[in-house]
Protein backbone atom coordinates (compact mmCIF):
# COMPACT_ATOMS: atom_id res chain seq x y z
CA MET A 1 164.04 128.48 12.51
CA THR A 2 161.01 130.34 13.87
CA LEU A 3 160.71 133.89 12.60
CA GLU A 4 158.79 135.08 15.66
CA GLU A 5 160.83 136.54 18.49
CA LYS A 6 160.22 136.99 22.22
CA ILE A 7 161.26 139.63 24.73
CA THR A 8 160.54 139.77 28.47
CA PHE A 9 159.57 142.87 30.44
CA TYR A 10 159.26 143.14 34.22
CA SER A 11 156.51 145.77 34.19
CA HIS A 12 153.15 145.78 32.42
CA GLU A 13 153.57 149.44 31.50
CA ALA A 14 156.84 148.84 29.62
CA ALA A 15 155.36 145.84 27.79
CA VAL A 16 152.32 147.85 26.69
CA ASP A 17 154.54 150.72 25.53
CA PHE A 18 156.54 148.32 23.36
CA GLN A 19 153.34 146.89 21.91
CA LYS A 20 152.26 150.42 20.95
CA PHE A 21 155.64 150.94 19.25
CA LEU A 22 155.21 147.69 17.32
CA ARG A 23 151.68 148.62 16.26
CA GLU A 24 152.98 151.89 14.83
CA LYS A 25 155.37 149.76 12.76
CA GLU A 26 152.44 147.57 11.64
CA CYS A 27 153.90 144.65 13.54
CA GLY A 28 151.65 142.24 15.42
CA SER A 29 152.40 141.01 18.94
CA ARG A 30 150.83 139.37 21.96
CA ILE A 31 151.52 139.52 25.70
CA VAL A 32 151.60 136.49 27.97
CA VAL A 33 151.82 137.05 31.73
CA GLU A 34 154.07 134.51 33.46
CA HIS A 35 154.15 134.05 37.24
CA SER A 36 157.00 132.23 38.92
CA PHE A 37 157.50 131.29 42.55
CA SER A 38 160.69 130.34 44.36
CA GLY A 39 161.66 129.34 47.86
CA GLU A 40 164.91 129.91 49.73
CA PRO A 41 165.36 127.54 52.70
CA TYR A 42 167.25 128.78 55.74
CA PHE A 43 167.94 128.03 59.40
CA GLU A 44 167.00 130.48 62.16
CA GLY A 45 168.20 130.57 65.74
CA THR A 46 170.10 132.65 68.26
CA ILE A 47 173.84 133.20 68.16
CA SER A 48 174.11 130.98 71.23
CA GLN A 49 172.12 128.19 69.56
CA PHE A 50 174.26 128.28 66.43
CA MET A 51 177.42 128.21 68.54
CA ASN A 52 176.07 125.06 70.21
CA LEU A 53 175.24 123.55 66.81
CA ILE A 54 178.73 124.24 65.49
CA ASP A 55 180.28 122.68 68.60
CA LEU A 56 178.02 119.64 68.19
CA LEU A 57 178.99 119.16 64.54
CA ALA A 58 182.67 119.76 65.32
CA LYS A 59 182.53 117.07 68.01
CA LYS A 60 181.12 114.60 65.48
CA ASP A 61 183.93 115.47 63.07
CA GLU A 62 186.50 115.00 65.84
CA GLU A 63 185.16 111.52 66.58
CA GLU A 64 185.77 110.67 62.92
CA ASN A 65 189.20 112.36 62.90
CA GLU A 66 187.96 115.06 60.54
CA VAL A 67 188.16 118.85 60.63
CA ASP A 68 185.65 121.09 58.86
CA GLU A 69 187.42 124.37 58.12
CA ASP A 70 184.13 125.99 57.10
CA LEU A 71 182.68 125.30 60.55
CA LEU A 72 185.72 126.83 62.23
CA HIS A 73 185.44 129.91 60.03
CA MET A 74 181.72 130.18 60.82
CA LYS A 75 182.39 129.92 64.54
CA ASN A 76 185.00 132.67 64.37
CA ASP A 77 182.55 134.80 62.41
CA LEU A 78 179.86 134.28 65.07
CA ILE A 79 182.27 135.13 67.88
CA GLU A 80 183.30 138.31 66.06
CA ARG A 81 179.66 139.20 65.41
CA LYS A 82 178.77 138.63 69.08
CA GLU A 83 181.68 140.78 70.27
CA THR A 84 180.79 143.58 67.83
CA LEU A 85 177.17 143.55 69.02
CA GLU A 86 178.26 143.55 72.67
CA GLU A 87 180.53 146.52 72.04
CA PHE A 88 177.71 148.44 70.36
CA LEU A 89 175.07 147.57 72.98
CA GLY A 90 177.50 148.39 75.77
CA GLY A 91 177.66 151.97 74.53
CA HIS A 92 173.90 152.46 74.15
CA LYS A 93 170.75 152.30 76.23
CA GLU A 94 167.10 151.73 75.46
CA GLY A 95 165.55 154.71 73.69
CA ASP A 96 168.81 156.06 72.24
CA LEU A 97 168.56 157.86 68.90
CA LEU A 98 171.18 156.39 66.58
CA SER A 99 172.22 159.50 64.68
CA ASP A 100 174.42 159.14 61.59
CA SER A 101 173.67 155.41 61.56
CA THR A 102 171.56 154.82 58.47
CA PRO A 103 173.34 152.97 55.64
CA SER A 104 173.26 156.06 53.41
CA GLN A 105 174.75 158.25 56.15
CA MET A 106 177.51 155.74 56.86
CA LEU A 107 178.26 155.38 53.16
CA ALA A 108 178.59 159.15 52.82
CA GLN A 109 181.09 159.16 55.70
CA LEU A 110 183.03 156.31 54.08
CA GLN A 111 183.18 158.13 50.74
CA THR A 112 184.52 161.25 52.47
CA ILE A 113 187.29 159.22 54.12
CA ASP A 114 188.00 157.38 50.87
CA ALA A 115 188.65 160.70 49.15
CA THR A 116 191.02 162.07 51.78
CA GLY A 117 192.54 159.27 53.89
CA ASP A 118 195.56 157.02 53.40
CA ASP A 119 195.22 153.27 52.75
CA ALA A 120 195.30 152.26 56.43
CA ILE A 121 192.59 154.77 57.32
CA LYS A 122 190.49 153.66 54.34
CA LYS A 123 190.72 149.99 55.36
CA ASP A 124 189.79 150.78 58.96
CA ALA A 125 186.83 152.88 57.79
CA ALA A 126 185.66 150.13 55.42
CA ASP A 127 185.84 147.52 58.21
CA LYS A 128 183.82 149.77 60.52
CA PHE A 129 181.28 150.35 57.76
CA VAL A 130 180.76 146.61 57.25
CA SER A 131 180.51 146.04 61.03
CA SER A 132 177.98 148.86 61.39
CA LEU A 133 175.84 147.42 58.60
CA MET A 134 175.91 144.02 60.33
CA VAL A 135 174.85 145.58 63.65
CA LEU A 136 171.99 147.51 62.06
CA ALA A 137 170.79 144.49 60.08
CA THR A 138 170.85 142.26 63.19
CA LEU A 139 169.02 144.82 65.32
CA GLU A 140 166.41 145.29 62.60
CA ASP A 141 165.93 141.53 62.12
CA ASN A 142 165.30 141.26 65.87
CA GLY A 143 162.75 144.08 65.89
CA LEU A 144 164.89 146.33 68.08
CA LEU A 145 164.86 149.41 65.83
CA GLU A 146 162.20 151.87 64.79
CA GLU A 147 162.60 154.57 62.18
CA GLU A 148 162.37 158.13 63.38
CA GLY A 149 162.77 160.68 60.61
CA GLU A 150 166.05 159.90 58.88
CA ASN A 151 167.44 158.04 61.89
CA TYR A 152 166.79 154.92 63.98
CA ARG A 153 165.79 154.69 67.63
CA LEU A 154 166.87 151.72 69.77
CA LYS A 155 163.60 150.29 71.15
CA GLU A 156 165.16 147.91 73.68
CA ILE A 157 168.36 146.17 74.70
CA LYS A 158 168.85 142.45 74.22
CA ALA A 159 171.79 140.17 75.06
CA ALA A 160 174.03 139.70 72.03
CA ASP A 161 174.06 135.90 72.22
CA GLU A 162 170.25 135.90 72.29
CA MET A 163 170.03 137.80 69.00
CA THR A 164 168.37 135.83 66.21
CA VAL A 165 170.48 135.18 63.11
CA MET A 166 169.92 133.19 59.92
CA TYR A 167 172.03 130.86 57.80
CA ALA A 168 171.38 129.23 54.43
CA TYR A 169 170.81 125.47 54.26
CA ASN A 170 174.04 124.88 52.35
CA ASP A 171 176.05 126.45 55.20
CA PHE A 172 175.35 123.27 57.20
CA PRO A 173 175.35 120.40 54.67
CA ALA A 174 175.94 117.68 57.28
CA VAL A 175 173.32 118.78 59.82
CA THR A 176 170.41 116.47 60.74
CA GLN A 177 166.93 117.22 62.07
CA ASP A 178 168.00 115.73 65.41
CA ASP A 179 170.94 118.15 65.54
CA LEU A 180 168.63 121.09 64.88
CA ALA A 181 166.10 119.94 67.48
CA GLU A 182 168.81 119.43 70.10
CA CYS A 183 170.06 123.00 69.59
CA GLY A 184 166.62 124.60 69.22
CA ILE A 185 167.18 125.82 65.66
CA ALA A 186 164.21 126.13 63.30
CA SER A 187 163.98 125.55 59.54
CA HIS A 188 162.11 128.02 57.34
CA VAL A 189 161.53 128.71 53.66
CA ARG A 190 161.49 132.30 52.44
CA THR A 191 159.18 132.45 49.42
CA SER A 192 159.11 135.04 46.66
CA SER A 193 157.22 135.52 43.43
CA THR A 194 157.88 137.40 40.21
CA THR A 195 155.67 138.43 37.32
CA ASP A 196 157.07 138.66 33.80
CA TYR A 197 155.38 140.07 30.72
CA VAL A 198 156.55 138.12 27.68
CA ILE A 199 155.85 139.68 24.29
CA THR A 200 155.89 137.41 21.25
CA VAL A 201 156.52 139.55 18.18
CA GLY A 202 155.16 138.58 14.77
CA THR A 203 157.21 138.04 11.62
CA GLU A 204 156.51 141.65 10.58
CA VAL A 205 159.37 142.62 12.91
CA LEU A 206 161.73 141.50 10.14
CA PHE A 207 160.76 144.66 8.28
CA VAL A 208 161.36 147.02 11.21
CA ASN A 209 164.64 148.92 11.43
CA THR A 210 166.68 147.37 14.26
CA ASP A 211 168.26 150.73 15.13
CA GLU A 212 164.77 152.08 15.85
CA ILE A 213 163.98 149.02 17.99
CA ALA A 214 167.22 149.41 19.94
CA ASP A 215 166.63 153.14 20.45
CA PHE A 216 163.11 152.52 21.77
CA LEU A 217 164.25 149.77 24.16
CA ASP A 218 166.96 152.11 25.48
CA HIS A 219 164.20 154.33 26.86
CA VAL A 220 161.93 151.77 28.55
CA ASP A 221 162.24 149.59 31.64
CA VAL A 222 163.78 146.40 30.27
CA ASP A 223 166.88 144.40 31.13
CA GLU A 224 169.80 145.57 28.96
CA GLU A 225 170.95 142.04 28.14
CA GLU A 226 167.40 140.99 27.27
CA ALA A 227 167.02 143.98 24.93
CA ALA A 228 170.39 143.36 23.26
CA LYS A 229 169.58 139.67 22.78
CA PHE A 230 166.24 140.57 21.16
CA VAL A 231 167.73 143.16 18.81
CA ASP A 232 170.55 140.79 17.79
CA ALA A 233 168.09 137.97 17.07
CA VAL A 234 165.94 140.22 14.88
CA PHE A 235 169.02 141.56 13.09
CA PHE A 236 170.39 138.12 12.22
CA LYS A 237 166.98 136.83 11.11
CA GLN A 238 166.64 139.86 8.86
CA ALA A 239 170.04 139.06 7.39
CA PHE A 240 169.12 135.41 6.92
CA VAL A 241 165.82 136.20 5.21
CA GLY A 242 167.58 138.82 3.09
CA LYS A 243 170.09 136.21 1.94
CA ILE A 244 167.30 133.82 0.94
CA HIS A 245 165.62 136.62 -1.03
CA GLU A 246 168.92 137.32 -2.78
CA LEU A 247 169.39 133.65 -3.69
CA VAL A 248 165.86 133.37 -5.07
CA ALA A 249 166.39 136.54 -7.14
CA GLU A 250 169.52 134.91 -8.58
CA GLY A 251 167.49 131.89 -9.69
CA ASN A 252 168.35 129.53 -6.82
CA ALA A 253 164.69 128.81 -6.12
CA SER A 254 164.78 125.04 -5.61
CA GLU A 255 165.05 123.61 -2.10
CA GLU A 256 168.26 121.79 -3.04
CA ALA A 257 169.88 124.95 -4.41
CA LEU A 258 168.89 127.01 -1.35
CA LEU A 259 170.20 124.41 1.08
CA GLU A 260 173.47 124.18 -0.83
CA ALA A 261 173.92 127.95 -0.87
CA LEU A 262 172.96 128.40 2.79
CA GLY A 263 175.19 125.49 3.73
CA ALA A 264 178.25 127.54 2.78
CA PRO A 265 180.62 128.31 5.68
CA SER A 266 179.43 131.91 5.93
CA PHE A 267 178.04 134.87 4.09
CA PRO A 268 178.61 138.60 4.76
CA LEU A 269 176.10 140.81 6.53
CA GLU A 270 175.22 143.73 4.32
CA GLY A 271 176.49 147.05 5.61
CA THR A 272 178.87 145.46 8.16
CA ASN A 273 182.22 143.72 8.36
CA ASP A 274 180.55 140.70 9.98
CA VAL A 275 179.55 137.36 8.54
CA ILE A 276 176.78 134.92 9.46
CA SER A 277 177.38 131.18 9.50
């Protein structure tokens, strides 16, 4: 068992604040900055191109007497998306100001209905909210919106089936590069990076009150589960070391005697109804 313990922060400021707290408790620590990179592959094409791809894959399945229910569901989703976009675009023209159309404004409207309407009205409002979010997201992805104050302005009109949409790689597990090329669909990888600040705390932490540690972590920017895991680890190590100290004080100083005593099924944690095993 290592007596050092680690905790991860997502901001340098929070990590430095925790180091200051530890220094005040005469506890040593060191920060290591860890960078991680990840990539999310996806397909990009127009609604029309994806419809062609789905038809192409469905035809292959038909030749093998197979039916892919996921493809059918995806096609229905695309048709519904296309119809929703056509309905929206049919009621607007280039340059229109889309008032009451930001996500926060629509959510406020939904919450008002949720507080006053019956179940049927609530469901209808929720469906419209989801559809409106889809329309806004698609228009934004296609560069057709510009922010103006707290609203959006429609920069131009574009045919619904020519709107660009994206799907994850695993949505089309059976697709080949030839299929993609035939339908004009491109492959991309969306990359992202994160920076973590990992603090390794010295063994002096075993003499710091865990309630004080928990209280401090409650007031800084750190993941709740990460903080709880750290506090629990320190608490149990304190209990373990305390038990060893107790055994030595009782005269069980030999390695054999300590291993025998610590090999017992469990021993109580002082001040609690819990046991450690």
